[in-house]
Amino acid sequence: MGRRSSGPSARRAAIVGCLVSALLAGSARAQETTLATEAEVPEHLVAGGQYFEATPYGLRAYLNSIKTTRPELFAQLAPDADRLASRSTTAMTLAIAGLGAGVASTIYGIASRTSCTSPPVTDPNFAADSAAWSQCDQRNLTHMTTFGLIGAGLAMAGLGAAFVVVPSRRDLLEVVNKHNRLSPQPLQLQVGYDPIQRLASAGAALSF
């Protein structure tokens, strides 16, 4: 009786899976580093002794805190803050969707490979059947590699799109500057100090 190929095919599947996983993981780490670079140094928006994250979400939290006390200022800046927050959410969605599609493609490529059966040594057509077995293994390798590369491409496309959409520090500062042109009580960007962990490193408070 013939045997299912569990040697070369399994090893090749493992190798392809590891290579693609490394590609996806590398892409994810690169994008996380890019998106989180500004968060590595503690940054906060400071207003009236209160601290908010120096992010679109932190800006929106600040505006929500003045919604009832300064409704006119809130009305002028809320659309800008919501737009930046929406872009941040969209960027995260794109990154997650790209990585998810990439992983799904890779898993499909491995799970949908054809079962290859090695011929027994007593097979009268051993040479021909061995050649067919080898061709089956090669098709599986090509199949897995193709879907693995498609998966890596989808992941990188999602991360690339997220990088394009995510707001930059400049986008945030444009809204902060607009706030300070409209308000006698400016927002400050404090760099190098974490009020929660009480860590300071060359801290500075900058007004815009």
N, C-alpha and C. Protein backbone atom coordinates (compact mmCIF):
# COMPACT_ATOMS: atom_id res chain seq x y z
N MET A 1 0.84 -1.20 0.00
CA MET A 1 0.00 0.00 0.00
C MET A 1 0.88 1.26 0.00
N GLY A 2 0.33 2.34 -0.54
CA GLY A 2 1.08 3.59 -0.60
C GLY A 2 1.05 4.30 0.74
N ARG A 3 1.96 5.24 0.93
CA ARG A 3 2.03 6.02 2.15
C ARG A 3 1.84 7.49 1.81
N ARG A 4 1.12 8.19 2.71
CA ARG A 4 1.03 9.65 2.55
C ARG A 4 2.40 10.25 2.80
N SER A 5 2.77 11.18 2.01
CA SER A 5 4.08 11.81 2.17
C SER A 5 4.06 12.72 3.39
N SER A 6 4.83 12.36 4.40
CA SER A 6 4.88 13.19 5.61
C SER A 6 6.28 13.73 5.85
N GLY A 7 7.22 13.34 5.00
CA GLY A 7 8.60 13.79 5.18
C GLY A 7 8.89 15.07 4.45
N PRO A 8 9.28 14.99 3.15
CA PRO A 8 9.64 16.21 2.40
C PRO A 8 8.53 17.23 2.38
N SER A 9 7.27 16.80 2.17
CA SER A 9 6.16 17.77 2.08
C SER A 9 5.99 18.51 3.39
N ALA A 10 6.02 17.76 4.50
CA ALA A 10 5.84 18.42 5.80
C ALA A 10 6.97 19.41 6.07
N ARG A 11 8.20 18.98 5.74
CA ARG A 11 9.34 19.87 5.97
C ARG A 11 9.23 21.12 5.11
N ARG A 12 8.83 20.93 3.84
CA ARG A 12 8.70 22.10 2.96
C ARG A 12 7.60 23.03 3.45
N ALA A 13 6.49 22.44 3.89
CA ALA A 13 5.39 23.26 4.40
C ALA A 13 5.85 24.06 5.61
N ALA A 14 6.61 23.41 6.49
CA ALA A 14 7.11 24.11 7.67
C ALA A 14 8.05 25.23 7.29
N ILE A 15 8.93 24.97 6.31
CA ILE A 15 9.89 25.99 5.88
C ILE A 15 9.16 27.19 5.28
N VAL A 16 8.20 26.90 4.37
CA VAL A 16 7.45 27.99 3.74
C VAL A 16 6.68 28.77 4.80
N GLY A 17 6.04 28.04 5.72
CA GLY A 17 5.28 28.71 6.77
C GLY A 17 6.15 29.61 7.62
N CYS A 18 7.34 29.12 7.98
CA CYS A 18 8.27 29.91 8.79
C CYS A 18 8.74 31.16 8.05
N LEU A 19 9.07 30.99 6.75
CA LEU A 19 9.54 32.13 5.98
C LEU A 19 8.48 33.21 5.87
N VAL A 20 7.25 32.80 5.56
CA VAL A 20 6.17 33.78 5.40
C VAL A 20 5.83 34.41 6.74
N SER A 21 5.81 33.60 7.80
CA SER A 21 5.54 34.14 9.12
C SER A 21 6.59 35.19 9.49
N ALA A 22 7.84 34.91 9.13
CA ALA A 22 8.90 35.88 9.41
C ALA A 22 8.68 37.17 8.64
N LEU A 23 8.25 37.03 7.36
CA LEU A 23 7.96 38.21 6.55
C LEU A 23 6.84 39.04 7.18
N LEU A 24 5.74 38.36 7.57
CA LEU A 24 4.61 39.06 8.16
C LEU A 24 5.01 39.71 9.48
N ALA A 25 5.74 38.97 10.30
CA ALA A 25 6.15 39.51 11.59
C ALA A 25 7.08 40.71 11.41
N GLY A 26 7.99 40.60 10.43
CA GLY A 26 8.90 41.71 10.16
C GLY A 26 8.14 42.95 9.70
N SER A 27 7.15 42.74 8.82
CA SER A 27 6.36 43.87 8.33
C SER A 27 5.58 44.51 9.48
N ALA A 28 5.01 43.66 10.34
CA ALA A 28 4.24 44.18 11.47
C ALA A 28 5.11 44.98 12.41
N ARG A 29 6.32 44.43 12.72
CA ARG A 29 7.21 45.16 13.62
C ARG A 29 7.65 46.48 13.02
N ALA A 30 7.92 46.48 11.72
CA ALA A 30 8.34 47.72 11.08
C ALA A 30 7.24 48.77 11.15
N GLN A 31 6.00 48.34 10.89
CA GLN A 31 4.91 49.31 10.91
C GLN A 31 4.63 49.78 12.33
N GLU A 32 4.69 48.86 13.31
CA GLU A 32 4.47 49.26 14.68
C GLU A 32 5.51 50.28 15.11
N THR A 33 6.76 50.06 14.68
CA THR A 33 7.82 51.01 15.02
C THR A 33 7.54 52.37 14.40
N THR A 34 7.08 52.36 13.14
CA THR A 34 6.78 53.61 12.44
C THR A 34 5.63 54.35 13.10
N LEU A 35 4.54 53.62 13.41
CA LEU A 35 3.36 54.26 13.97
C LEU A 35 3.57 54.68 15.41
N ALA A 36 4.47 54.01 16.11
CA ALA A 36 4.63 54.28 17.53
C ALA A 36 5.87 55.11 17.86
N THR A 37 6.59 55.58 16.84
CA THR A 37 7.83 56.30 17.10
C THR A 37 7.60 57.49 18.01
N GLU A 38 6.53 58.23 17.74
CA GLU A 38 6.27 59.43 18.53
C GLU A 38 5.85 59.08 19.95
N ALA A 39 5.32 57.88 20.17
CA ALA A 39 4.85 57.50 21.49
C ALA A 39 5.99 57.01 22.38
N GLU A 40 7.16 56.74 21.80
CA GLU A 40 8.26 56.23 22.60
C GLU A 40 8.77 57.28 23.57
N VAL A 41 8.75 58.55 23.17
CA VAL A 41 9.11 59.64 24.06
C VAL A 41 7.81 60.18 24.66
N PRO A 42 7.70 60.24 25.99
CA PRO A 42 6.44 60.71 26.59
C PRO A 42 6.07 62.10 26.09
N GLU A 43 4.88 62.24 25.60
CA GLU A 43 4.38 63.51 25.11
C GLU A 43 2.94 63.67 25.61
N HIS A 44 2.63 64.85 26.07
CA HIS A 44 1.28 65.11 26.54
C HIS A 44 0.85 66.52 26.17
N LEU A 45 -0.44 66.67 25.94
CA LEU A 45 -1.03 67.99 25.81
C LEU A 45 -1.44 68.43 27.21
N VAL A 46 -1.06 69.64 27.55
CA VAL A 46 -1.32 70.15 28.90
C VAL A 46 -2.20 71.39 28.78
N ALA A 47 -3.29 71.40 29.55
CA ALA A 47 -4.20 72.55 29.55
C ALA A 47 -4.80 72.68 30.95
N GLY A 48 -4.56 73.82 31.56
CA GLY A 48 -5.14 74.07 32.88
C GLY A 48 -4.75 73.04 33.92
N GLY A 49 -3.52 72.54 33.85
CA GLY A 49 -3.07 71.56 34.83
C GLY A 49 -3.53 70.15 34.55
N GLN A 50 -4.24 69.94 33.47
CA GLN A 50 -4.70 68.61 33.10
C GLN A 50 -3.85 68.07 31.96
N TYR A 51 -3.61 66.74 31.98
CA TYR A 51 -2.78 66.09 30.98
C TYR A 51 -3.64 65.22 30.07
N PHE A 52 -3.34 65.32 28.78
CA PHE A 52 -4.03 64.51 27.78
C PHE A 52 -2.97 63.92 26.84
N GLU A 53 -3.25 62.77 26.29
CA GLU A 53 -2.31 62.16 25.36
C GLU A 53 -2.10 63.07 24.16
N ALA A 54 -0.87 63.13 23.68
CA ALA A 54 -0.57 63.94 22.50
C ALA A 54 -0.89 63.14 21.25
N THR A 55 -2.16 62.79 21.12
CA THR A 55 -2.68 62.02 20.00
C THR A 55 -4.02 62.62 19.60
N PRO A 56 -4.55 62.24 18.43
CA PRO A 56 -5.89 62.73 18.07
C PRO A 56 -6.94 62.37 19.11
N TYR A 57 -6.80 61.20 19.74
CA TYR A 57 -7.77 60.80 20.76
C TYR A 57 -7.62 61.66 22.01
N GLY A 58 -6.36 62.00 22.37
CA GLY A 58 -6.15 62.88 23.51
C GLY A 58 -6.67 64.28 23.25
N LEU A 59 -6.49 64.76 22.02
CA LEU A 59 -7.02 66.08 21.65
C LEU A 59 -8.53 66.09 21.74
N ARG A 60 -9.14 65.02 21.28
CA ARG A 60 -10.60 64.96 21.35
C ARG A 60 -11.08 64.88 22.81
N ALA A 61 -10.31 64.16 23.65
CA ALA A 61 -10.67 64.08 25.07
C ALA A 61 -10.60 65.46 25.72
N TYR A 62 -9.57 66.23 25.35
CA TYR A 62 -9.46 67.60 25.87
C TYR A 62 -10.67 68.43 25.45
N LEU A 63 -11.03 68.36 24.17
CA LEU A 63 -12.16 69.15 23.69
C LEU A 63 -13.46 68.73 24.37
N ASN A 64 -13.60 67.43 24.63
CA ASN A 64 -14.81 66.98 25.34
C ASN A 64 -14.87 67.56 26.75
N SER A 65 -13.68 67.81 27.34
CA SER A 65 -13.66 68.35 28.71
C SER A 65 -14.09 69.81 28.75
N ILE A 66 -14.03 70.51 27.62
CA ILE A 66 -14.44 71.92 27.59
C ILE A 66 -15.73 72.12 26.82
N LYS A 67 -16.39 71.04 26.50
CA LYS A 67 -17.60 71.11 25.65
C LYS A 67 -18.67 72.00 26.26
N THR A 68 -18.85 71.90 27.57
CA THR A 68 -19.91 72.69 28.21
C THR A 68 -19.41 74.06 28.67
N THR A 69 -18.15 74.17 29.01
CA THR A 69 -17.64 75.45 29.52
C THR A 69 -17.22 76.40 28.41
N ARG A 70 -16.79 75.86 27.28
CA ARG A 70 -16.35 76.69 26.16
C ARG A 70 -16.93 76.12 24.86
N PRO A 71 -18.22 76.18 24.73
CA PRO A 71 -18.89 75.54 23.59
C PRO A 71 -18.47 76.09 22.23
N GLU A 72 -18.16 77.40 22.16
CA GLU A 72 -17.79 77.98 20.86
C GLU A 72 -16.45 77.42 20.39
N LEU A 73 -15.49 77.33 21.30
CA LEU A 73 -14.18 76.77 20.95
C LEU A 73 -14.32 75.30 20.58
N PHE A 74 -15.13 74.60 21.34
CA PHE A 74 -15.37 73.18 21.04
C PHE A 74 -15.95 73.02 19.64
N ALA A 75 -16.93 73.85 19.31
CA ALA A 75 -17.59 73.73 18.00
C ALA A 75 -16.62 73.98 16.85
N GLN A 76 -15.66 74.86 17.05
CA GLN A 76 -14.72 75.18 15.97
C GLN A 76 -13.64 74.11 15.78
N LEU A 77 -13.30 73.40 16.86
CA LEU A 77 -12.20 72.45 16.79
C LEU A 77 -12.62 70.99 16.75
N ALA A 78 -13.83 70.71 17.21
CA ALA A 78 -14.27 69.30 17.26
C ALA A 78 -14.22 68.61 15.90
N PRO A 79 -14.65 69.27 14.81
CA PRO A 79 -14.56 68.59 13.51
C PRO A 79 -13.14 68.19 13.13
N ASP A 80 -12.17 69.06 13.44
CA ASP A 80 -10.77 68.74 13.13
C ASP A 80 -10.28 67.56 13.96
N ALA A 81 -10.62 67.57 15.27
CA ALA A 81 -10.20 66.49 16.14
C ALA A 81 -10.85 65.17 15.73
N ASP A 82 -12.13 65.24 15.37
CA ASP A 82 -12.83 64.02 14.94
C ASP A 82 -12.23 63.47 13.65
N ARG A 83 -11.85 64.38 12.77
CA ARG A 83 -11.25 63.94 11.50
C ARG A 83 -9.94 63.20 11.75
N LEU A 84 -9.10 63.74 12.63
CA LEU A 84 -7.83 63.08 12.94
C LEU A 84 -8.04 61.74 13.64
N ALA A 85 -9.00 61.72 14.57
CA ALA A 85 -9.28 60.47 15.27
C ALA A 85 -9.81 59.42 14.31
N SER A 86 -10.66 59.87 13.36
CA SER A 86 -11.19 58.94 12.37
C SER A 86 -10.08 58.37 11.50
N ARG A 87 -9.11 59.20 11.15
CA ARG A 87 -7.97 58.72 10.36
C ARG A 87 -7.14 57.71 11.14
N SER A 88 -6.98 57.95 12.44
CA SER A 88 -6.24 57.01 13.27
C SER A 88 -6.95 55.66 13.32
N THR A 89 -8.27 55.70 13.48
CA THR A 89 -9.05 54.47 13.52
C THR A 89 -8.98 53.74 12.19
N THR A 90 -9.07 54.50 11.10
CA THR A 90 -8.99 53.90 9.77
C THR A 90 -7.63 53.25 9.54
N ALA A 91 -6.57 53.93 9.98
CA ALA A 91 -5.22 53.38 9.83
C ALA A 91 -5.08 52.07 10.58
N MET A 92 -5.61 52.02 11.80
CA MET A 92 -5.53 50.78 12.59
C MET A 92 -6.33 49.68 11.92
N THR A 93 -7.50 50.03 11.38
CA THR A 93 -8.34 49.04 10.70
C THR A 93 -7.63 48.48 9.47
N LEU A 94 -6.99 49.36 8.70
CA LEU A 94 -6.27 48.91 7.52
C LEU A 94 -5.12 47.99 7.88
N ALA A 95 -4.39 48.33 8.94
CA ALA A 95 -3.27 47.50 9.36
C ALA A 95 -3.74 46.13 9.80
N ILE A 96 -4.79 46.09 10.61
CA ILE A 96 -5.31 44.82 11.10
C ILE A 96 -5.87 43.99 9.96
N ALA A 97 -6.60 44.65 9.05
CA ALA A 97 -7.19 43.93 7.91
C ALA A 97 -6.10 43.35 7.02
N GLY A 98 -5.05 44.13 6.77
CA GLY A 98 -3.96 43.64 5.93
C GLY A 98 -3.25 42.46 6.54
N LEU A 99 -2.96 42.55 7.84
CA LEU A 99 -2.30 41.43 8.51
C LEU A 99 -3.20 40.21 8.57
N GLY A 100 -4.49 40.44 8.84
CA GLY A 100 -5.43 39.32 8.89
C GLY A 100 -5.55 38.61 7.55
N ALA A 101 -5.65 39.40 6.48
CA ALA A 101 -5.74 38.81 5.14
C ALA A 101 -4.45 38.07 4.79
N GLY A 102 -3.32 38.63 5.21
CA GLY A 102 -2.04 37.98 4.93
C GLY A 102 -1.92 36.65 5.63
N VAL A 103 -2.29 36.61 6.90
CA VAL A 103 -2.24 35.36 7.66
C VAL A 103 -3.22 34.34 7.08
N ALA A 104 -4.43 34.81 6.73
CA ALA A 104 -5.44 33.90 6.17
C ALA A 104 -4.96 33.29 4.86
N SER A 105 -4.33 34.09 4.01
CA SER A 105 -3.82 33.59 2.73
C SER A 105 -2.74 32.54 2.96
N THR A 106 -1.86 32.81 3.92
CA THR A 106 -0.78 31.87 4.21
C THR A 106 -1.33 30.55 4.75
N ILE A 107 -2.27 30.65 5.66
CA ILE A 107 -2.87 29.43 6.23
C ILE A 107 -3.60 28.64 5.15
N TYR A 108 -4.32 29.35 4.27
CA TYR A 108 -5.03 28.65 3.19
C TYR A 108 -4.05 27.92 2.28
N GLY A 109 -2.93 28.58 1.97
CA GLY A 109 -1.94 27.96 1.10
C GLY A 109 -1.41 26.66 1.68
N ILE A 110 -1.24 26.62 3.00
CA ILE A 110 -0.74 25.40 3.65
C ILE A 110 -1.84 24.35 3.78
N ALA A 111 -3.05 24.81 4.18
CA ALA A 111 -4.13 23.86 4.46
C ALA A 111 -4.71 23.25 3.19
N SER A 112 -4.61 23.94 2.06
CA SER A 112 -5.26 23.47 0.83
C SER A 112 -4.31 22.71 -0.09
N ARG A 113 -3.15 22.38 0.39
CA ARG A 113 -2.23 21.63 -0.47
C ARG A 113 -2.76 20.21 -0.72
N THR A 114 -2.37 19.64 -1.83
CA THR A 114 -2.82 18.31 -2.24
C THR A 114 -2.09 17.23 -1.43
N SER A 115 -2.81 16.15 -1.13
CA SER A 115 -2.19 15.01 -0.45
C SER A 115 -1.36 14.22 -1.47
N CYS A 116 -0.10 14.10 -1.19
CA CYS A 116 0.80 13.37 -2.08
C CYS A 116 1.15 12.01 -1.45
N THR A 117 0.98 10.94 -2.21
CA THR A 117 1.22 9.59 -1.70
C THR A 117 2.45 8.99 -2.37
N SER A 118 3.38 8.56 -1.55
CA SER A 118 4.59 7.95 -2.09
C SER A 118 4.30 6.50 -2.48
N PRO A 119 4.81 6.04 -3.59
CA PRO A 119 4.55 4.66 -4.02
C PRO A 119 5.37 3.66 -3.20
N PRO A 120 4.84 2.45 -2.97
CA PRO A 120 5.61 1.43 -2.27
C PRO A 120 6.71 0.89 -3.19
N VAL A 121 7.73 0.34 -2.57
CA VAL A 121 8.84 -0.18 -3.36
C VAL A 121 8.41 -1.37 -4.23
N THR A 122 7.28 -1.98 -3.88
CA THR A 122 6.79 -3.13 -4.66
C THR A 122 5.93 -2.69 -5.84
N ASP A 123 5.74 -1.42 -5.98
CA ASP A 123 4.91 -0.90 -7.08
C ASP A 123 5.58 -1.22 -8.41
N PRO A 124 4.87 -1.91 -9.32
CA PRO A 124 5.47 -2.24 -10.62
C PRO A 124 5.78 -0.99 -11.45
N ASN A 125 5.08 0.12 -11.18
CA ASN A 125 5.33 1.39 -11.88
C ASN A 125 6.03 2.37 -10.95
N PHE A 126 6.95 1.84 -10.16
CA PHE A 126 7.58 2.64 -9.11
C PHE A 126 8.24 3.91 -9.67
N ALA A 127 8.95 3.81 -10.76
CA ALA A 127 9.66 4.97 -11.31
C ALA A 127 8.68 6.07 -11.72
N ALA A 128 7.62 5.68 -12.46
CA ALA A 128 6.64 6.67 -12.92
C ALA A 128 5.88 7.27 -11.75
N ASP A 129 5.48 6.39 -10.80
CA ASP A 129 4.72 6.89 -9.65
C ASP A 129 5.59 7.76 -8.74
N SER A 130 6.88 7.45 -8.65
CA SER A 130 7.78 8.28 -7.86
C SER A 130 7.91 9.66 -8.49
N ALA A 131 7.97 9.67 -9.83
CA ALA A 131 8.05 10.96 -10.53
C ALA A 131 6.78 11.77 -10.29
N ALA A 132 5.61 11.08 -10.31
CA ALA A 132 4.34 11.76 -10.07
C ALA A 132 4.29 12.30 -8.64
N TRP A 133 4.83 11.52 -7.71
CA TRP A 133 4.88 11.96 -6.31
C TRP A 133 5.74 13.22 -6.17
N SER A 134 6.90 13.21 -6.83
CA SER A 134 7.79 14.36 -6.78
C SER A 134 7.13 15.60 -7.39
N GLN A 135 6.40 15.40 -8.51
CA GLN A 135 5.71 16.52 -9.14
C GLN A 135 4.61 17.07 -8.23
N CYS A 136 3.93 16.14 -7.54
CA CYS A 136 2.88 16.57 -6.59
C CYS A 136 3.48 17.42 -5.49
N ASP A 137 4.61 16.99 -4.95
CA ASP A 137 5.30 17.77 -3.92
C ASP A 137 5.70 19.14 -4.44
N GLN A 138 6.18 19.17 -5.67
CA GLN A 138 6.61 20.44 -6.25
C GLN A 138 5.42 21.38 -6.43
N ARG A 139 4.28 20.82 -6.88
CA ARG A 139 3.08 21.65 -7.03
C ARG A 139 2.64 22.22 -5.68
N ASN A 140 2.73 21.38 -4.65
CA ASN A 140 2.37 21.85 -3.31
C ASN A 140 3.28 22.98 -2.86
N LEU A 141 4.58 22.81 -3.11
CA LEU A 141 5.53 23.84 -2.73
C LEU A 141 5.24 25.16 -3.45
N THR A 142 4.97 25.04 -4.75
CA THR A 142 4.64 26.25 -5.54
C THR A 142 3.35 26.87 -5.03
N HIS A 143 2.35 26.03 -4.72
CA HIS A 143 1.06 26.51 -4.23
C HIS A 143 1.24 27.27 -2.91
N MET A 144 1.97 26.66 -1.98
CA MET A 144 2.16 27.30 -0.67
C MET A 144 2.98 28.58 -0.79
N THR A 145 4.00 28.54 -1.63
CA THR A 145 4.83 29.73 -1.81
C THR A 145 4.02 30.87 -2.41
N THR A 146 3.18 30.54 -3.40
CA THR A 146 2.36 31.56 -4.05
C THR A 146 1.43 32.24 -3.06
N PHE A 147 0.69 31.43 -2.29
CA PHE A 147 -0.25 32.02 -1.34
C PHE A 147 0.49 32.69 -0.17
N GLY A 148 1.68 32.18 0.14
CA GLY A 148 2.47 32.84 1.17
C GLY A 148 2.92 34.22 0.74
N LEU A 149 3.37 34.32 -0.51
CA LEU A 149 3.80 35.63 -1.03
C LEU A 149 2.61 36.57 -1.19
N ILE A 150 1.47 36.01 -1.61
CA ILE A 150 0.26 36.85 -1.68
C ILE A 150 -0.08 37.38 -0.29
N GLY A 151 0.03 36.49 0.70
CA GLY A 151 -0.25 36.92 2.08
C GLY A 151 0.69 38.01 2.54
N ALA A 152 1.98 37.84 2.24
CA ALA A 152 2.94 38.88 2.63
C ALA A 152 2.64 40.19 1.92
N GLY A 153 2.24 40.10 0.63
CA GLY A 153 1.90 41.31 -0.12
C GLY A 153 0.68 42.01 0.46
N LEU A 154 -0.34 41.22 0.85
CA LEU A 154 -1.54 41.81 1.45
C LEU A 154 -1.21 42.50 2.77
N ALA A 155 -0.37 41.84 3.57
CA ALA A 155 0.01 42.43 4.85
C ALA A 155 0.75 43.74 4.65
N MET A 156 1.71 43.74 3.73
CA MET A 156 2.48 44.96 3.50
C MET A 156 1.62 46.06 2.89
N ALA A 157 0.66 45.66 2.04
CA ALA A 157 -0.23 46.66 1.46
C ALA A 157 -1.09 47.31 2.54
N GLY A 158 -1.61 46.49 3.46
CA GLY A 158 -2.42 47.03 4.55
C GLY A 158 -1.62 47.96 5.45
N LEU A 159 -0.38 47.54 5.77
CA LEU A 159 0.46 48.38 6.62
C LEU A 159 0.89 49.65 5.90
N GLY A 160 1.15 49.53 4.59
CA GLY A 160 1.51 50.72 3.83
C GLY A 160 0.37 51.71 3.76
N ALA A 161 -0.84 51.20 3.56
CA ALA A 161 -2.01 52.08 3.52
C ALA A 161 -2.23 52.75 4.87
N ALA A 162 -2.00 52.00 5.94
CA ALA A 162 -2.15 52.57 7.28
C ALA A 162 -1.14 53.69 7.50
N PHE A 163 0.08 53.50 7.02
CA PHE A 163 1.11 54.52 7.17
C PHE A 163 0.72 55.80 6.44
N VAL A 164 0.08 55.67 5.28
CA VAL A 164 -0.33 56.84 4.51
C VAL A 164 -1.47 57.58 5.21
N VAL A 165 -2.39 56.83 5.82
CA VAL A 165 -3.59 57.43 6.39
C VAL A 165 -3.36 57.99 7.79
N VAL A 166 -2.53 57.32 8.59
CA VAL A 166 -2.40 57.73 10.00
C VAL A 166 -1.93 59.18 10.10
N PRO A 167 -2.54 59.97 11.00
CA PRO A 167 -2.14 61.38 11.14
C PRO A 167 -0.69 61.49 11.65
N SER A 168 -0.01 62.49 11.18
CA SER A 168 1.35 62.75 11.63
C SER A 168 1.32 63.76 12.78
N ARG A 169 2.47 63.97 13.39
CA ARG A 169 2.55 64.98 14.45
C ARG A 169 2.21 66.35 13.88
N ARG A 170 2.62 66.58 12.65
CA ARG A 170 2.33 67.88 12.04
C ARG A 170 0.82 68.10 11.94
N ASP A 171 0.07 67.06 11.59
CA ASP A 171 -1.39 67.19 11.51
C ASP A 171 -1.97 67.57 12.87
N LEU A 172 -1.46 66.93 13.93
CA LEU A 172 -1.94 67.23 15.27
C LEU A 172 -1.60 68.66 15.66
N LEU A 173 -0.37 69.08 15.36
CA LEU A 173 0.05 70.43 15.75
C LEU A 173 -0.70 71.51 14.99
N GLU A 174 -1.15 71.21 13.80
CA GLU A 174 -1.96 72.20 13.06
C GLU A 174 -3.24 72.52 13.82
N VAL A 175 -3.85 71.49 14.40
CA VAL A 175 -5.07 71.72 15.18
C VAL A 175 -4.74 72.42 16.50
N VAL A 176 -3.61 72.02 17.12
CA VAL A 176 -3.19 72.69 18.35
C VAL A 176 -2.91 74.17 18.09
N ASN A 177 -2.25 74.47 16.99
CA ASN A 177 -2.00 75.87 16.63
C ASN A 177 -3.29 76.63 16.39
N LYS A 178 -4.24 75.98 15.74
CA LYS A 178 -5.53 76.62 15.51
C LYS A 178 -6.21 76.92 16.83
N HIS A 179 -6.13 75.98 17.76
CA HIS A 179 -6.69 76.19 19.09
C HIS A 179 -6.07 77.42 19.75
N ASN A 180 -4.75 77.51 19.67
CA ASN A 180 -4.07 78.61 20.36
C ASN A 180 -4.27 79.95 19.70
N ARG A 181 -4.64 79.95 18.44
CA ARG A 181 -5.01 81.22 17.78
C ARG A 181 -6.39 81.68 18.22
N LEU A 182 -7.23 80.72 18.62
CA LEU A 182 -8.61 81.04 18.98
C LEU A 182 -8.81 81.23 20.48
N SER A 183 -7.86 80.75 21.28
CA SER A 183 -8.06 80.75 22.73
C SER A 183 -6.95 81.50 23.43
N PRO A 184 -7.27 82.30 24.46
CA PRO A 184 -6.24 82.98 25.25
C PRO A 184 -5.53 82.02 26.20
N GLN A 185 -6.09 80.82 26.37
CA GLN A 185 -5.48 79.81 27.24
C GLN A 185 -4.89 78.72 26.34
N PRO A 186 -3.61 78.80 26.06
CA PRO A 186 -3.02 77.90 25.08
C PRO A 186 -2.87 76.47 25.57
N LEU A 187 -2.86 75.58 24.61
CA LEU A 187 -2.46 74.20 24.86
C LEU A 187 -0.94 74.14 24.83
N GLN A 188 -0.38 73.30 25.66
CA GLN A 188 1.06 73.12 25.66
C GLN A 188 1.37 71.66 25.34
N LEU A 189 2.45 71.45 24.61
CA LEU A 189 2.94 70.11 24.36
C LEU A 189 4.12 69.87 25.28
N GLN A 190 3.96 68.95 26.20
CA GLN A 190 5.02 68.64 27.15
C GLN A 190 5.74 67.38 26.69
N VAL A 191 7.04 67.49 26.50
CA VAL A 191 7.85 66.39 25.97
C VAL A 191 8.83 65.90 27.02
N GLY A 192 8.91 64.59 27.17
CA GLY A 192 9.91 64.00 28.05
C GLY A 192 9.48 63.82 29.48
N TYR A 193 8.17 63.91 29.77
CA TYR A 193 7.71 63.70 31.14
C TYR A 193 6.42 62.90 31.12
N ASP A 194 6.37 61.88 31.96
CA ASP A 194 5.17 61.06 32.07
C ASP A 194 4.54 61.34 33.43
N PRO A 195 3.41 62.07 33.49
CA PRO A 195 2.82 62.43 34.78
C PRO A 195 2.29 61.22 35.54
N ILE A 196 2.07 60.11 34.84
CA ILE A 196 1.55 58.92 35.50
C ILE A 196 2.67 58.16 36.19
N GLN A 197 3.75 57.89 35.43
CA GLN A 197 4.89 57.18 36.00
C GLN A 197 5.89 58.13 36.66
N ARG A 198 5.66 59.43 36.50
CA ARG A 198 6.53 60.45 37.07
C ARG A 198 7.99 60.27 36.63
N LEU A 199 8.15 60.09 35.33
CA LEU A 199 9.48 59.96 34.74
C LEU A 199 9.78 61.20 33.93
N ALA A 200 10.96 61.73 34.12
CA ALA A 200 11.34 62.92 33.36
C ALA A 200 12.70 62.70 32.71
N SER A 201 12.82 63.16 31.48
CA SER A 201 14.10 63.08 30.78
C SER A 201 14.20 64.27 29.86
N ALA A 202 14.94 65.27 30.30
CA ALA A 202 15.09 66.49 29.52
C ALA A 202 13.72 67.04 29.13
N GLY A 203 12.84 67.12 30.09
CA GLY A 203 11.47 67.55 29.82
C GLY A 203 11.41 69.00 29.37
N ALA A 204 10.41 69.29 28.60
CA ALA A 204 10.22 70.67 28.13
C ALA A 204 8.75 70.87 27.87
N ALA A 205 8.27 72.05 28.18
CA ALA A 205 6.89 72.40 27.88
C ALA A 205 6.89 73.42 26.78
N LEU A 206 6.25 73.09 25.68
CA LEU A 206 6.27 73.99 24.53
C LEU A 206 4.86 74.47 24.23
N SER A 207 4.73 75.73 23.99
CA SER A 207 3.44 76.29 23.60
C SER A 207 3.45 76.52 22.10
N PHE A 208 2.28 76.37 21.50
CA PHE A 208 2.17 76.54 20.06
C PHE A 208 1.10 77.58 19.75
